[in-house]
């Protein structure tokens, strides 16, 4: 009896089965701890009553200490995801040349990704992976007749991603060869104003589901066979040992405390201070538009202006911000920074973003493995959805290409491609018209041809008249 079969033995108490399934095979940080850095409202400064003490004034009113919190970890997570997936992941299909069936298979796989809205799913997965360190995307078939994939299909493929960010605890179970034996996840739902804990497990051919009420686990369904038997877990799992912002939170914390302390100083010194030199004669006369003071022996009245060393503060905060983004290998793409660059060329933009591109190149390895596992699951589903293709599907090779974000310069790109093409056009006139957004590209193309023929005729007639 193999390990997973022994764990899921129906004769065992459910509590023991779930306890064994919760023995996680990988060591990732707890999301509850990471959330303290990721979510700005949970930063230390928000609840710090020791170094950021509120003051009680003489009249009994409470003057709260300034608590400025900044979501740099969340911003770095979003930036990394955007650099990785703002330009959608491209799939290149190989071994399909001169084989019509394989070409249809490639189009079907691409259609599955399209109708599963994989580009928006990648953005969600990227944020969850870089922030909470693990994700699991499950693929499942829904019985619904359609022709979305280029053939008559009884099923439609969908996907759903689970991560600690969405309140789901993941429990992967691997063997000694790092092959996944089971994938389990735990989550909570409200049912009739009562919170119920659910626990689900997927193996290569079975799906188990339990729920816990009043501290007791019970099965809510018999172990069901997965809709389409794949012989593998119908999903892909990815994890990382540390979040993308690991080691940078102390820099963010220093910025928060620096700005908060300075905010208190500004608030304290914002009220004007009046300096009186000499002896005051009588009381102050208050008119509607001015105040009058009488002083002896050349006395003077003036406001004391507060001079703050703002340059030192500005230098300190800017240096910390630079250190944060430099160690995160992401550029600070704030409006002020981008405005300062001016209208620079395409090559200069690539050079500025080279550190970010190296970072995405470093991260892309784990993502490519994840995408390849996911693609193999889709292929297995496709074998059952169209049995005529079963023998050819594995012959279609799929290469996943992650392109780091760069703001395109169409002029530079076009010039480069034309030069590589020997100075010849790289697009047909009809393709250009389509990209321009014409409502009826074919009609527009014919009209342009008609106008060009008319213009050519006019020129020919002018030549003949000149010759006469």
Protein backbone atom coordinates (compact mmCIF):
# COMPACT_ATOMS: atom_id res chain seq x y z
CA UNK A 1 0.00 0.00 0.00
CA UNK A 2 1.50 3.33 -1.05
CA UNK A 3 1.72 6.35 1.24
CA UNK A 4 -1.33 8.28 0.04
CA UNK A 5 -3.54 5.17 -0.03
CA UNK A 6 -2.53 4.41 3.56
CA UNK A 7 -3.33 7.98 4.65
CA UNK A 8 -6.76 7.98 2.97
CA UNK A 9 -7.77 4.55 4.28
CA UNK A 10 -11.53 4.80 4.91
CA UNK A 11 -11.23 2.75 8.12
CA UNK A 12 -9.17 5.48 9.79
CA UNK A 13 -10.77 8.31 11.83
CA UNK A 14 -11.29 11.41 9.65
CA UNK A 15 -9.43 13.63 12.14
CA UNK A 16 -6.34 11.42 11.77
CA UNK A 17 -6.59 11.45 7.96
CA UNK A 18 -6.76 15.27 7.87
CA UNK A 19 -3.96 15.56 10.42
CA UNK A 20 -1.69 13.49 8.16
CA UNK A 21 -2.70 15.46 5.07
CA UNK A 22 -1.75 18.66 6.89
CA UNK A 23 1.87 17.50 7.17
CA UNK A 24 3.10 20.02 4.63
CA UNK A 25 5.97 18.86 2.44
CA UNK A 26 7.32 22.40 1.89
CA UNK A 27 8.34 25.10 4.33
CA UNK A 28 6.80 28.49 3.47
CA UNK A 29 6.18 31.47 5.79
CA UNK A 30 2.80 31.82 7.48
CA UNK A 31 0.60 34.35 5.71
CA UNK A 32 -0.57 35.75 9.06
CA UNK A 33 3.04 36.85 9.69
CA UNK A 34 3.64 38.15 6.17
CA UNK A 35 0.41 40.13 6.28
CA UNK A 36 1.89 42.38 8.99
CA UNK A 37 4.36 43.71 6.42
CA UNK A 38 2.23 43.43 3.28
CA UNK A 39 -0.90 45.23 4.53
CA UNK A 40 -0.13 48.90 5.41
CA UNK A 41 -2.88 49.17 8.03
CA UNK A 42 -1.23 46.33 10.01
CA UNK A 43 2.21 47.94 10.22
CA UNK A 44 3.83 48.33 13.65
CA UNK A 45 3.46 52.11 13.65
CA UNK A 46 -0.34 51.92 13.57
CA UNK A 47 -0.60 50.41 17.06
CA UNK A 48 2.69 51.64 18.55
CA UNK A 49 1.78 53.34 21.86
CA UNK A 50 5.31 53.45 23.28
CA UNK A 51 7.37 55.52 20.82
CA UNK A 52 4.29 57.21 19.29
CA UNK A 53 2.45 58.35 22.40
CA UNK A 54 -0.75 60.39 22.21
CA UNK A 55 -0.72 63.58 24.30
CA UNK A 56 -3.45 64.88 26.63
CA UNK A 57 -3.71 68.69 26.56
CA UNK A 58 -4.37 70.86 29.63
CA UNK A 59 -8.02 71.20 28.60
CA UNK A 60 -8.39 67.40 28.54
CA UNK A 61 -8.52 66.96 24.76
CA UNK A 62 -6.47 64.20 23.16
CA UNK A 63 -3.80 65.11 20.62
CA UNK A 64 -3.00 61.98 18.64
CA UNK A 65 0.53 61.27 17.54
CA UNK A 66 1.07 61.18 13.79
CA UNK A 67 1.11 57.65 12.34
CA UNK A 68 1.98 57.65 8.64
CA UNK A 69 2.03 54.20 7.07
CA UNK A 70 3.24 53.39 3.55
CA UNK A 71 2.46 50.27 1.49
CA UNK A 72 5.86 49.75 -0.12
CA UNK A 73 5.71 45.94 0.17
CA UNK A 74 2.35 45.87 -1.58
CA UNK A 75 3.68 48.24 -4.24
CA UNK A 76 6.78 46.10 -4.85
CA UNK A 77 4.56 43.01 -5.20
CA UNK A 78 2.36 44.75 -7.77
CA UNK A 79 5.36 46.14 -9.66
CA UNK A 80 6.98 42.71 -9.94
CA UNK A 81 3.73 41.15 -11.14
CA UNK A 82 3.19 43.95 -13.66
CA UNK A 83 6.70 43.62 -15.06
CA UNK A 84 6.18 39.86 -15.43
CA UNK A 85 2.63 39.74 -16.80
CA UNK A 86 1.56 43.21 -18.04
CA UNK A 87 2.68 41.91 -21.44
CA UNK A 88 0.71 38.62 -21.63
CA UNK A 89 2.63 35.36 -21.53
CA UNK A 90 3.14 34.14 -25.09
CA UNK A 91 2.91 30.50 -26.11
CA UNK A 92 4.91 29.23 -29.08
CA UNK A 93 3.82 25.89 -30.55
CA UNK A 94 6.46 23.62 -32.07
CA UNK A 95 6.35 20.39 -34.08
CA UNK A 96 3.13 21.43 -35.83
CA UNK A 97 4.55 22.24 -39.27
CA UNK A 98 2.85 20.50 -42.21
CA UNK A 99 0.48 18.68 -39.88
CA UNK A 100 -3.09 19.99 -39.98
CA UNK A 101 -4.29 17.99 -36.96
CA UNK A 102 -1.50 19.29 -34.73
CA UNK A 103 -2.20 22.84 -35.88
CA UNK A 104 -5.84 22.41 -34.84
CA UNK A 105 -4.68 21.04 -31.46
CA UNK A 106 -2.49 24.12 -30.98
CA UNK A 107 -5.45 26.40 -31.76
CA UNK A 108 -7.64 24.42 -29.33
CA UNK A 109 -5.08 24.78 -26.50
CA UNK A 110 -4.82 28.50 -27.19
CA UNK A 111 -8.63 28.78 -27.14
CA UNK A 112 -8.74 27.01 -23.76
CA UNK A 113 -6.37 29.60 -22.34
CA UNK A 114 -8.33 32.42 -23.95
CA UNK A 115 -11.75 31.41 -22.62
CA UNK A 116 -10.30 30.67 -19.17
CA UNK A 117 -9.13 34.33 -19.19
CA UNK A 118 -5.62 33.23 -18.41
CA UNK A 119 -4.05 36.71 -18.77
CA UNK A 120 -6.10 38.21 -15.93
CA UNK A 121 -5.60 34.98 -13.96
CA UNK A 122 -1.83 35.41 -14.26
CA UNK A 123 -2.05 38.87 -12.69
CA UNK A 124 -3.98 37.44 -9.71
CA UNK A 125 -1.57 34.51 -9.43
CA UNK A 126 1.46 36.77 -9.63
CA UNK A 127 0.32 38.98 -6.75
CA UNK A 128 -0.54 35.94 -4.62
CA UNK A 129 2.71 34.11 -5.39
CA UNK A 130 5.06 37.03 -4.76
CA UNK A 131 3.26 38.15 -1.59
CA UNK A 132 2.04 34.95 0.12
CA UNK A 133 4.65 32.55 -1.34
CA UNK A 134 2.33 29.82 -2.71
CA UNK A 135 -0.51 29.25 -5.17
CA UNK A 136 -2.48 26.30 -6.48
CA UNK A 137 -4.54 26.50 -9.67
CA UNK A 138 -7.06 23.73 -10.23
CA UNK A 139 -8.56 22.97 -13.65
CA UNK A 140 -11.96 21.36 -13.92
CA UNK A 141 -14.45 20.43 -16.63
CA UNK A 142 -18.04 21.67 -16.67
CA UNK A 143 -20.58 19.80 -18.78
CA UNK A 144 -21.66 22.37 -21.33
CA UNK A 145 -21.89 21.72 -25.06
CA UNK A 146 -19.87 24.24 -27.07
CA UNK A 147 -17.65 24.77 -30.11
CA UNK A 148 -15.23 27.21 -28.46
CA UNK A 149 -12.20 25.01 -29.07
CA UNK A 150 -12.70 24.33 -32.76
CA UNK A 151 -14.69 21.10 -32.33
CA UNK A 152 -17.97 19.96 -30.81
CA UNK A 153 -17.23 19.49 -27.12
CA UNK A 154 -19.39 18.29 -24.24
CA UNK A 155 -17.18 20.09 -21.75
CA UNK A 156 -15.89 23.56 -21.02
CA UNK A 157 -12.63 23.94 -19.12
CA UNK A 158 -12.32 26.42 -16.27
CA UNK A 159 -9.70 27.18 -13.64
CA UNK A 160 -9.62 28.55 -10.11
CA UNK A 161 -6.62 29.69 -8.08
CA UNK A 162 -6.27 29.19 -4.33
CA UNK A 163 -3.76 30.99 -2.12
CA UNK A 164 -3.35 32.11 1.50
CA UNK A 165 -4.22 35.64 0.33
CA UNK A 166 -7.80 34.50 -0.26
CA UNK A 167 -8.03 32.81 3.13
CA UNK A 168 -7.21 29.30 1.89
CA UNK A 169 -4.54 27.18 3.57
CA UNK A 170 -2.64 24.93 1.14
CA UNK A 171 -1.21 21.53 2.06
CA UNK A 172 0.78 19.88 -0.75
CA UNK A 173 2.05 16.35 -0.16
CA UNK A 174 5.08 15.15 -2.15
CA UNK A 175 6.94 11.86 -2.20
CA UNK A 176 10.72 11.51 -1.91
CA UNK A 177 11.05 12.11 -5.68
CA UNK A 178 9.15 15.42 -5.41
CA UNK A 179 6.13 14.02 -7.24
CA UNK A 180 2.86 15.35 -5.85
CA UNK A 181 0.78 12.65 -4.16
CA UNK A 182 -2.07 14.85 -3.00
CA UNK A 183 -3.11 18.48 -2.86
CA UNK A 184 -5.29 19.60 0.04
CA UNK A 185 -6.72 22.97 1.02
CA UNK A 186 -8.70 24.27 3.95
CA UNK A 187 -11.08 27.23 3.93
CA UNK A 188 -14.02 28.66 5.86
CA UNK A 189 -17.51 29.60 4.70
CA UNK A 190 -20.49 31.14 6.42
CA UNK A 191 -23.59 28.97 6.35
CA UNK A 192 -26.70 30.39 8.04
CA UNK A 193 -24.63 32.87 10.06
CA UNK A 194 -22.36 30.08 11.22
CA UNK A 195 -18.74 29.70 10.14
CA UNK A 196 -17.97 26.21 8.85
CA UNK A 197 -14.49 24.85 8.06
CA UNK A 198 -14.08 22.75 4.89
CA UNK A 199 -11.15 20.55 3.88
CA UNK A 200 -10.71 19.19 0.34
CA UNK A 201 -8.14 16.80 -1.09
CA UNK A 202 -7.33 15.94 -4.71
CA UNK A 203 -5.34 12.89 -5.69
CA UNK A 204 -4.59 11.59 -9.18
CA UNK A 205 -8.06 10.08 -9.50
CA UNK A 206 -10.18 11.02 -6.46
CA UNK A 207 -11.68 14.08 -4.83
CA UNK A 208 -12.44 14.10 -1.08
CA UNK A 209 -14.35 16.75 0.86
CA UNK A 210 -14.97 17.08 4.61
CA UNK A 211 -16.41 19.74 6.91
CA UNK A 212 -15.95 20.49 10.60
CA UNK A 213 -18.83 21.42 12.87
CA UNK A 214 -18.62 21.74 16.64
CA UNK A 215 -15.05 20.47 16.49
CA UNK A 216 -15.98 17.21 14.73
CA UNK A 217 -14.96 16.33 11.16
CA UNK A 218 -17.43 14.57 8.90
CA UNK A 219 -17.44 13.56 5.24
CA UNK A 220 -19.97 15.48 3.14
CA UNK A 221 -19.56 13.37 0.01
CA UNK A 222 -18.26 10.00 -1.01
CA UNK A 223 -14.81 10.03 -2.59
CA UNK A 224 -15.81 10.93 -6.13
CA UNK A 225 -13.97 10.18 -9.30
CA UNK A 226 -12.85 13.36 -11.06
CA UNK A 227 -15.13 14.26 -14.00
CA UNK A 228 -12.46 13.35 -16.52
CA UNK A 229 -9.97 10.80 -15.19
CA UNK A 230 -6.51 12.21 -15.94
CA UNK A 231 -4.24 9.97 -13.95
CA UNK A 232 -2.75 13.09 -12.37
CA UNK A 233 -3.83 15.85 -10.01
CA UNK A 234 -5.78 18.33 -12.18
CA UNK A 235 -3.83 21.41 -11.21
CA UNK A 236 -0.46 23.10 -10.74
CA UNK A 237 1.23 24.24 -7.54
CA UNK A 238 4.05 26.75 -7.06
CA UNK A 239 5.81 28.00 -3.96
CA UNK A 240 8.73 30.19 -2.92
CA UNK A 241 10.65 30.21 0.36
CA UNK A 242 10.46 33.98 0.94
CA UNK A 243 8.19 36.82 -0.23
CA UNK A 244 9.42 39.25 -2.85
CA UNK A 245 9.80 41.98 -0.20
CA UNK A 246 11.86 39.89 2.23
CA UNK A 247 14.47 41.94 4.14
CA UNK A 248 13.09 45.32 3.04
CA UNK A 249 10.45 46.00 5.71
CA UNK A 250 12.93 47.66 8.11
CA UNK A 251 13.64 50.32 5.47
CA UNK A 252 9.93 51.00 5.03
CA UNK A 253 9.50 51.14 8.81
CA UNK A 254 12.30 53.72 9.14
CA UNK A 255 10.60 55.92 6.52
CA UNK A 256 7.26 55.67 8.35
CA UNK A 257 8.75 56.67 11.73
CA UNK A 258 10.83 59.47 10.20
CA UNK A 259 7.84 61.03 8.46
CA UNK A 260 5.59 60.57 11.49
CA UNK A 261 8.06 62.23 13.88
CA UNK A 262 8.51 65.10 11.46
CA UNK A 263 4.74 65.45 11.11
CA UNK A 264 4.47 65.93 14.89
CA UNK A 265 7.18 68.61 14.80
CA UNK A 266 5.39 70.45 11.99
CA UNK A 267 2.07 70.29 13.84
CA UNK A 268 3.68 71.57 17.05
CA UNK A 269 5.37 74.51 15.30
CA UNK A 270 2.52 75.40 12.95
CA UNK A 271 0.90 77.87 15.41
CA UNK A 272 2.52 81.36 15.11
CA UNK A 273 4.71 82.55 18.03
CA UNK A 274 4.67 86.29 18.80
CA UNK A 275 7.89 87.89 20.12
CA UNK A 276 7.58 91.16 22.08
CA UNK A 277 10.78 93.18 22.75
CA UNK A 278 10.51 95.91 25.36
CA UNK A 279 7.81 96.99 27.81
CA UNK A 280 4.19 96.81 26.68
CA UNK A 281 2.11 99.91 27.43
CA UNK A 282 -1.52 99.19 28.17
CA UNK A 283 -3.43 96.35 26.62
CA UNK A 284 -3.51 95.17 23.04
CA UNK A 285 -6.02 97.06 20.88
CA UNK A 286 -7.95 94.68 18.64
CA UNK A 287 -9.63 96.25 15.64
CA UNK A 288 -11.60 94.56 12.90
CA UNK A 289 -8.70 94.56 10.48
CA UNK A 290 -5.57 94.96 12.64
CA UNK A 291 -4.02 94.55 16.08
CA UNK A 292 -2.19 97.43 17.85
CA UNK A 293 0.58 97.16 20.47
CA UNK A 294 2.22 100.13 22.32
CA UNK A 295 5.78 99.62 23.55
CA UNK A 296 8.35 101.81 25.40
CA UNK A 297 11.92 102.68 24.42
CA UNK A 298 11.93 101.45 20.83
CA UNK A 299 10.44 98.03 21.57
CA UNK A 300 9.40 95.72 18.78
CA UNK A 301 6.77 93.07 18.03
CA UNK A 302 7.38 90.31 15.47
CA UNK A 303 6.52 86.71 14.67
CA UNK A 304 9.16 84.07 15.26
CA UNK A 305 9.66 82.08 12.08
CA UNK A 306 10.48 78.41 12.51
CA UNK A 307 13.35 77.17 10.38
CA UNK A 308 13.42 73.45 9.72
CA UNK A 309 16.35 71.56 8.19
CA UNK A 310 14.08 70.22 5.43
CA UNK A 311 16.92 69.29 3.09
CA UNK A 312 18.35 66.80 5.58
CA UNK A 313 14.94 65.15 6.01
CA UNK A 314 14.35 65.05 2.26
CA UNK A 315 17.78 63.50 1.65
CA UNK A 316 17.20 60.87 4.36
CA UNK A 317 13.80 59.75 3.04
CA UNK A 318 14.85 59.78 -0.62
CA UNK A 319 17.93 57.71 0.20
CA UNK A 320 15.82 55.14 2.04
CA UNK A 321 13.38 54.92 -0.88
CA UNK A 322 16.26 54.41 -3.31
CA UNK A 323 17.66 51.64 -1.11
CA UNK A 324 14.26 49.93 -0.94
CA UNK A 325 13.72 49.83 -4.70
CA UNK A 326 17.39 49.14 -5.44
CA UNK A 327 17.41 46.03 -3.24
CA UNK A 328 14.03 45.00 -4.62
CA UNK A 329 15.52 45.32 -8.16
CA UNK A 330 12.53 47.35 -9.26
CA UNK A 331 12.55 50.94 -10.56
CA UNK A 332 10.60 53.66 -8.76
CA UNK A 333 8.10 54.46 -11.51
CA UNK A 334 6.47 57.37 -9.71
CA UNK A 335 5.11 60.24 -11.80
CA UNK A 336 7.84 62.63 -10.64
CA UNK A 337 10.61 60.23 -11.59
CA UNK A 338 9.13 59.51 -15.00
CA UNK A 339 8.58 63.21 -15.68
CA UNK A 340 12.24 63.92 -14.88
CA UNK A 341 13.38 61.46 -17.57
CA UNK A 342 11.80 63.49 -20.36
CA UNK A 343 11.32 62.11 -23.86
CA UNK A 344 14.04 59.47 -23.97
CA UNK A 345 14.41 56.88 -26.70
CA UNK A 346 13.49 53.19 -26.73
CA UNK A 347 17.05 51.96 -26.16
CA UNK A 348 17.50 54.31 -23.19
CA UNK A 349 14.27 53.01 -21.63
CA UNK A 350 15.50 49.45 -22.01
CA UNK A 351 18.76 50.36 -20.28
CA UNK A 352 16.94 52.02 -17.36
CA UNK A 353 14.76 48.94 -16.85
CA UNK A 354 17.59 46.42 -17.24
CA UNK A 355 17.70 45.66 -13.49
CA UNK A 356 13.97 44.92 -13.43
CA UNK A 357 14.31 42.73 -16.53
CA UNK A 358 17.12 40.77 -14.87
CA UNK A 359 14.86 40.31 -11.82
CA UNK A 360 12.02 38.92 -13.97
CA UNK A 361 14.52 36.67 -15.75
CA UNK A 362 15.59 35.36 -12.35
CA UNK A 363 11.97 34.72 -11.33
CA UNK A 364 10.80 33.30 -14.65
CA UNK A 365 12.29 29.83 -14.15
CA UNK A 366 9.76 28.85 -11.47
CA UNK A 367 6.92 30.30 -13.52
CA UNK A 368 7.92 28.41 -16.68
CA UNK A 369 7.90 25.14 -14.72
CA UNK A 370 4.47 26.03 -13.32
CA UNK A 371 3.09 26.86 -16.79
CA UNK A 372 4.48 23.62 -18.23
CA UNK A 373 2.79 21.55 -15.51
CA UNK A 374 -0.44 23.43 -16.11
CA UNK A 375 -0.20 22.88 -19.86
CA UNK A 376 0.27 19.13 -19.35
CA UNK A 377 -2.98 19.08 -17.33
CA UNK A 378 -4.81 20.90 -20.13
CA UNK A 379 -3.46 18.40 -22.67
CA UNK A 380 -4.78 15.51 -20.58
CA UNK A 381 -8.22 17.11 -20.44
CA UNK A 382 -8.11 17.66 -24.20
CA UNK A 383 -7.45 13.96 -24.81
CA UNK A 384 -10.84 13.13 -23.28
CA UNK A 385 -12.64 16.09 -24.83
CA UNK A 386 -11.61 15.08 -28.36
CA UNK A 387 -10.58 11.43 -28.56
CA UNK A 388 -9.68 11.78 -32.28
CA UNK A 389 -6.67 13.85 -31.23
CA UNK A 390 -5.54 11.58 -28.39
CA UNK A 391 -2.48 10.13 -30.15
CA UNK A 392 -1.25 13.50 -31.46
CA UNK A 393 -1.69 15.85 -28.48
CA UNK A 394 1.59 14.97 -26.77
CA UNK A 395 3.45 15.60 -30.04
CA UNK A 396 2.52 19.29 -29.87
CA UNK A 397 5.27 21.09 -27.95
CA UNK A 398 4.35 24.29 -26.12
CA UNK A 399 6.97 26.86 -25.20
CA UNK A 400 5.97 29.58 -22.70
CA UNK A 401 7.65 32.97 -23.15
CA UNK A 402 7.58 35.64 -20.41
CA UNK A 403 8.33 39.10 -21.78
CA UNK A 404 9.31 41.70 -19.14
CA UNK A 405 7.38 44.95 -19.48
CA UNK A 406 8.80 47.72 -21.65
CA UNK A 407 6.94 50.69 -23.06
CA UNK A 408 7.03 50.03 -26.78
CA UNK A 409 8.35 52.54 -29.26
CA UNK A 410 6.52 51.54 -32.46
CA UNK A 411 8.67 53.71 -34.71
CA UNK A 412 11.93 52.19 -33.41
CA UNK A 413 10.48 48.68 -33.51
CA UNK A 414 9.18 49.12 -37.08
CA UNK A 415 12.47 50.57 -38.33
CA UNK A 416 14.40 47.67 -36.78
CA UNK A 417 12.11 45.03 -38.32
CA UNK A 418 12.17 46.65 -41.77
CA UNK A 419 15.97 46.76 -41.62
CA UNK A 420 16.07 43.07 -40.66
CA UNK A 421 13.70 42.32 -43.53
CA UNK A 422 16.05 43.84 -46.10
CA UNK A 423 14.20 47.15 -46.32
CA UNK A 424 10.93 45.50 -47.37
CA UNK A 425 7.47 45.91 -45.83
CA UNK A 426 6.70 43.73 -42.81
CA UNK A 427 2.90 44.02 -42.98
CA UNK A 428 0.33 43.98 -45.71
CA UNK A 429 -1.80 47.06 -46.28
CA UNK A 430 -4.89 45.14 -45.14
CA UNK A 431 -3.23 44.21 -41.81
CA UNK A 432 -2.39 47.86 -41.16
CA UNK A 433 -5.98 48.90 -41.88
CA UNK A 434 -7.26 46.28 -39.43
CA UNK A 435 -4.90 47.52 -36.69
CA UNK A 436 -6.08 51.08 -37.33
CA UNK A 437 -9.54 49.99 -36.20
CA UNK A 438 -11.53 50.32 -39.43
CA UNK A 439 -15.11 49.12 -39.06
CA UNK A 440 -14.94 47.22 -42.37
CA UNK A 441 -11.26 46.63 -43.23
CA UNK A 442 -12.03 44.81 -46.51
CA UNK A 443 -14.25 47.65 -47.78
CA UNK A 444 -11.70 50.27 -46.71
CA UNK A 445 -8.92 48.36 -48.49
CA UNK A 446 -10.95 48.15 -51.72
CA UNK A 447 -11.80 51.87 -51.51
CA UNK A 448 -8.12 52.78 -51.08
CA UNK A 449 -7.22 50.61 -54.10
CA UNK A 450 -9.97 52.26 -56.12
CA UNK A 451 -8.74 55.75 -55.20
CA UNK A 452 -5.14 54.81 -56.03
CA UNK A 453 -6.20 53.47 -59.44
CA UNK A 454 -8.11 56.69 -60.13
CA UNK A 455 -5.10 58.78 -59.09
CA UNK A 456 -2.82 56.67 -61.27
CA UNK A 457 -5.17 57.18 -64.22
CA UNK A 458 -5.09 60.95 -63.74
CA UNK A 459 -1.28 60.90 -63.73
CA UNK A 460 -1.18 58.78 -66.90
CA UNK A 461 -3.57 61.15 -68.66
CA UNK A 462 -1.41 64.14 -67.64
CA UNK A 463 1.68 62.45 -69.12
CA UNK A 464 -0.07 61.77 -72.44
CA UNK A 465 -1.37 65.35 -72.64
CA UNK A 466 2.13 66.69 -71.96
CA UNK A 467 3.58 64.48 -74.68
CA UNK A 468 1.14 65.87 -77.23
